[in-house]
Structure formats: C-alpha cells, structure tokens
Amino acid sequence: MSNDIQRIDSNERLSRIVVHGGVVYVAGVTAGDISGDIGAQTRDVLAKIDGYLKTAGTSKSRLLTVQIWLKDIDKDFAGMNQVWGEWADKANMPTRATCEARLARPELLVEIIVSAAI
C-alpha cells in the first residue's frame, strides 16, 4: 500500500525525499549557487543533504550509499574528495561511487544522491 511510503517535497517531476522501509532516499542534489568552484559547489550540496536528512529524521552518520556525479572527474575529483573528507562521518562511512556525467546544466560541477537508514 502507498501509505507506507512517505514522499516529502514533491512536485510534478520528483519527490526530493522518499522514506520507505526504514530507508531515506534523497534525489540528486546540486548546488544552489553555481558560480563557485568544485569545493564551493560540493559544500553547498552537502549542506543541503544535511538539511534533507534532518527533515527525514536521520543524519549523515546513517548514510548507506552515495552516488557522486562530476562534470569533469579528472579536473574535480580531488577537490570534491577534499570537501567530502571534511564532511563525511569517518566512523560511519557509506558505500560510494563517483562517476563522470554530463549534468543538467553546464555550470553544474557535481550532483550527489544519497540513501540513509532512519
């Protein structure tokens, strides 16, 4: 039944957050301010993810899996990883994959998708 699925911040295209079976799924998150470099955009994305996880009643210490999409993996992997290393809960690291992809707008440098336990 659909009542065991909680959808948060939905529109005609997607739900920003879906909660089901004790797991929080957060849709792809991009930076709000796309004028910055990979470090600035990654910080912005991770701050937004913190907020989405809090809204769903969990936190980064409960992350299960992370998908990171970079516009230019050769150019931006190290910079993104530096910010990731400052943000991530080192005692509770999730599984993670990082790929290069053409993102929705040319100014976007990073998009991150996460899932976390409640």
C-alpha atoms as a PDB file:
ATOM      1  CA  MET A   1       0.000   0.000   0.000  1.00  0.00           C
ATOM      2  CA  SER A   2       1.186   3.518  -0.729  1.00  0.00           C
ATOM      3  CA  ASN A   3       0.586   4.694   2.872  1.00  0.00           C
ATOM      4  CA  ASP A   4       3.834   3.020   3.969  1.00  0.00           C
ATOM      5  CA  ILE A   5       5.753   5.309   1.604  1.00  0.00           C
ATOM      6  CA  GLN A   6       6.315   8.894   2.730  1.00  0.00           C
ATOM      7  CA  ARG A   7       7.065  11.422  -0.013  1.00  0.00           C
ATOM      8  CA  ILE A   8       8.487  14.797   1.016  1.00  0.00           C
ATOM      9  CA  ASP A   9       8.893  17.935  -1.097  1.00  0.00           C
ATOM     10  CA  SER A  10       7.205  16.514  -4.186  1.00  0.00           C
ATOM     11  CA  ASN A  11       6.420  18.240  -7.465  1.00  0.00           C
ATOM     12  CA  GLU A  12       5.319  17.157 -10.942  1.00  0.00           C
ATOM     13  CA  ARG A  13       8.767  15.623 -11.657  1.00  0.00           C
ATOM     14  CA  LEU A  14      10.026  14.076  -8.437  1.00  0.00           C
ATOM     15  CA  SER A  15       9.964  13.778  -4.694  1.00  0.00           C
ATOM     16  CA  ARG A  16      13.044  15.327  -3.107  1.00  0.00           C
ATOM     17  CA  ILE A  17      12.891  12.735  -0.295  1.00  0.00           C
ATOM     18  CA  VAL A  18      11.184   9.336  -0.137  1.00  0.00           C
ATOM     19  CA  VAL A  19      11.064   7.280   3.058  1.00  0.00           C
ATOM     20  CA  HIS A  20      10.220   3.579   2.901  1.00  0.00           C
ATOM     21  CA  GLY A  21      11.091   0.537   4.959  1.00  0.00           C
ATOM     22  CA  GLY A  22      13.332   2.476   7.331  1.00  0.00           C
ATOM     23  CA  VAL A  23      15.394   3.959   4.489  1.00  0.00           C
ATOM     24  CA  VAL A  24      15.550   7.574   3.334  1.00  0.00           C
ATOM     25  CA  TYR A  25      16.201   8.155  -0.358  1.00  0.00           C
ATOM     26  CA  VAL A  26      17.317  11.662  -1.354  1.00  0.00           C
ATOM     27  CA  ALA A  27      17.072  12.649  -5.012  1.00  0.00           C
ATOM     28  CA  GLY A  28      20.074  14.095  -6.818  1.00  0.00           C
ATOM     29  CA  VAL A  29      21.233  17.308  -5.134  1.00  0.00           C
ATOM     30  CA  THR A  30      23.027  20.101  -6.967  1.00  0.00           C
ATOM     31  CA  ALA A  31      24.401  23.421  -5.767  1.00  0.00           C
ATOM     32  CA  GLY A  32      22.084  26.392  -5.446  1.00  0.00           C
ATOM     33  CA  ASP A  33      24.940  28.780  -6.188  1.00  0.00           C
ATOM     34  CA  ILE A  34      26.580  27.535  -9.367  1.00  0.00           C
ATOM     35  CA  SER A  35      29.101  30.360  -9.603  1.00  0.00           C
ATOM     36  CA  GLY A  36      31.627  28.622  -7.342  1.00  0.00           C
ATOM     37  CA  ASP A  37      34.345  26.060  -7.991  1.00  0.00           C
ATOM     38  CA  ILE A  38      34.061  22.347  -7.169  1.00  0.00           C
ATOM     39  CA  GLY A  39      34.818  22.966  -3.490  1.00  0.00           C
ATOM     40  CA  ALA A  40      32.098  25.595  -3.112  1.00  0.00           C
ATOM     41  CA  GLN A  41      29.538  23.581  -5.040  1.00  0.00           C
ATOM     42  CA  THR A  42      30.307  20.399  -3.104  1.00  0.00           C
ATOM     43  CA  ARG A  43      29.987  22.235   0.246  1.00  0.00           C
ATOM     44  CA  ASP A  44      26.632  23.655  -0.872  1.00  0.00           C
ATOM     45  CA  VAL A  45      25.377  20.222  -1.956  1.00  0.00           C
ATOM     46  CA  LEU A  46      26.472  18.532   1.278  1.00  0.00           C
ATOM     47  CA  ALA A  47      24.854  21.263   3.396  1.00  0.00           C
ATOM     48  CA  LYS A  48      21.599  20.715   1.503  1.00  0.00           C
ATOM     49  CA  ILE A  49      21.905  16.959   2.058  1.00  0.00           C
ATOM     50  CA  ASP A  50      22.348  17.555   5.807  1.00  0.00           C
ATOM     51  CA  GLY A  51      19.076  19.504   5.760  1.00  0.00           C
ATOM     52  CA  TYR A  52      17.182  16.862   3.766  1.00  0.00           C
ATOM     53  CA  LEU A  53      18.407  14.099   6.061  1.00  0.00           C
ATOM     54  CA  LYS A  54      17.366  16.100   9.118  1.00  0.00           C
ATOM     55  CA  THR A  55      13.920  16.667   7.596  1.00  0.00           C
ATOM     56  CA  ALA A  56      13.567  12.906   7.213  1.00  0.00           C
ATOM     57  CA  GLY A  57      14.711  12.237  10.783  1.00  0.00           C
ATOM     58  CA  THR A  58      18.226  10.966  10.145  1.00  0.00           C
ATOM     59  CA  SER A  59      21.776  12.216   9.575  1.00  0.00           C
ATOM     60  CA  LYS A  60      24.984  11.598   7.635  1.00  0.00           C
ATOM     61  CA  SER A  61      26.087   9.123  10.323  1.00  0.00           C
ATOM     62  CA  ARG A  62      23.314   6.847   8.992  1.00  0.00           C
ATOM     63  CA  LEU A  63      24.273   7.031   5.303  1.00  0.00           C
ATOM     64  CA  LEU A  64      24.120   3.703   3.493  1.00  0.00           C
ATOM     65  CA  THR A  65      25.162   4.582  -0.032  1.00  0.00           C
ATOM     66  CA  VAL A  66      26.244   7.633  -2.006  1.00  0.00           C
ATOM     67  CA  GLN A  67      26.468   8.298  -5.740  1.00  0.00           C
ATOM     68  CA  ILE A  68      28.550  11.277  -6.827  1.00  0.00           C
ATOM     69  CA  TRP A  69      28.376  12.606 -10.367  1.00  0.00           C
ATOM     70  CA  LEU A  70      31.096  15.003 -11.533  1.00  0.00           C
ATOM     71  CA  LYS A  71      31.084  17.060 -14.721  1.00  0.00           C
ATOM     72  CA  ASP A  72      34.855  16.563 -15.112  1.00  0.00           C
ATOM     73  CA  ILE A  73      36.266  13.754 -12.980  1.00  0.00           C
ATOM     74  CA  ASP A  74      39.869  14.454 -13.998  1.00  0.00           C
ATOM     75  CA  LYS A  75      39.635  18.118 -13.007  1.00  0.00           C
ATOM     76  CA  ASP A  76      37.342  17.933  -9.970  1.00  0.00           C
ATOM     77  CA  PHE A  77      37.780  14.566  -8.223  1.00  0.00           C
ATOM     78  CA  ALA A  78      40.493  15.742  -5.812  1.00  0.00           C
ATOM     79  CA  GLY A  79      38.677  18.968  -4.895  1.00  0.00           C
ATOM     80  CA  MET A  80      35.375  17.180  -4.318  1.00  0.00           C
ATOM     81  CA  ASN A  81      37.139  14.477  -2.286  1.00  0.00           C
ATOM     82  CA  GLN A  82      38.776  17.069  -0.043  1.00  0.00           C
ATOM     83  CA  VAL A  83      35.392  18.582   0.842  1.00  0.00           C
ATOM     84  CA  TRP A  84      33.842  15.119   1.172  1.00  0.00           C
ATOM     85  CA  GLY A  85      36.597  14.121   3.612  1.00  0.00           C
ATOM     86  CA  GLU A  86      35.900  17.173   5.780  1.00  0.00           C
ATOM     87  CA  TRP A  87      32.141  16.468   5.810  1.00  0.00           C
ATOM     88  CA  ALA A  88      31.799  12.687   5.989  1.00  0.00           C
ATOM     89  CA  ASP A  89      31.366  10.870   9.299  1.00  0.00           C
ATOM     90  CA  LYS A  90      34.613   8.896   9.349  1.00  0.00           C
ATOM     91  CA  ALA A  91      33.250   6.392  11.884  1.00  0.00           C
ATOM     92  CA  ASN A  92      30.270   5.591   9.631  1.00  0.00           C
ATOM     93  CA  MET A  93      31.367   5.655   6.000  1.00  0.00           C
ATOM     94  CA  PRO A  94      28.764   4.612   3.398  1.00  0.00           C
ATOM     95  CA  THR A  95      29.376   2.746   0.186  1.00  0.00           C
ATOM     96  CA  ARG A  96      30.213   5.244  -2.547  1.00  0.00           C
ATOM     97  CA  ALA A  97      30.602   5.514  -6.292  1.00  0.00           C
ATOM     98  CA  THR A  98      31.922   8.505  -8.226  1.00  0.00           C
ATOM     99  CA  CYS A  99      31.366   8.864 -11.961  1.00  0.00           C
ATOM    100  CA  GLU A 100      31.699  11.475 -14.654  1.00  0.00           C
ATOM    101  CA  ALA A 101      28.472  12.602 -16.313  1.00  0.00           C
ATOM    102  CA  ARG A 102      27.041  15.405 -18.360  1.00  0.00           C
ATOM    103  CA  LEU A 103      24.867  17.181 -15.797  1.00  0.00           C
ATOM    104  CA  ALA A 104      21.603  19.058 -16.394  1.00  0.00           C
ATOM    105  CA  ARG A 105      23.270  22.464 -16.846  1.00  0.00           C
ATOM    106  CA  PRO A 106      26.808  23.261 -17.970  1.00  0.00           C
ATOM    107  CA  GLU A 107      27.517  25.325 -14.813  1.00  0.00           C
ATOM    108  CA  LEU A 108      26.851  22.362 -12.530  1.00  0.00           C
ATOM    109  CA  LEU A 109      30.022  20.597 -11.438  1.00  0.00           C
ATOM    110  CA  VAL A 110      28.640  17.991  -9.028  1.00  0.00           C
ATOM    111  CA  GLU A 111      25.425  16.134  -8.191  1.00  0.00           C
ATOM    112  CA  ILE A 112      25.086  13.787  -5.226  1.00  0.00           C
ATOM    113  CA  ILE A 113      22.447  11.140  -4.468  1.00  0.00           C
ATOM    114  CA  VAL A 114      22.251   9.539  -1.014  1.00  0.00           C
ATOM    115  CA  SER A 115      20.319   6.895   0.876  1.00  0.00           C
ATOM    116  CA  ALA A 116      20.340   6.597   4.662  1.00  0.00           C
ATOM    117  CA  ALA A 117      18.811   4.478   7.398  1.00  0.00           C
ATOM    118  CA  ILE A 118      16.316   6.156   9.721  1.00  0.00           C
END
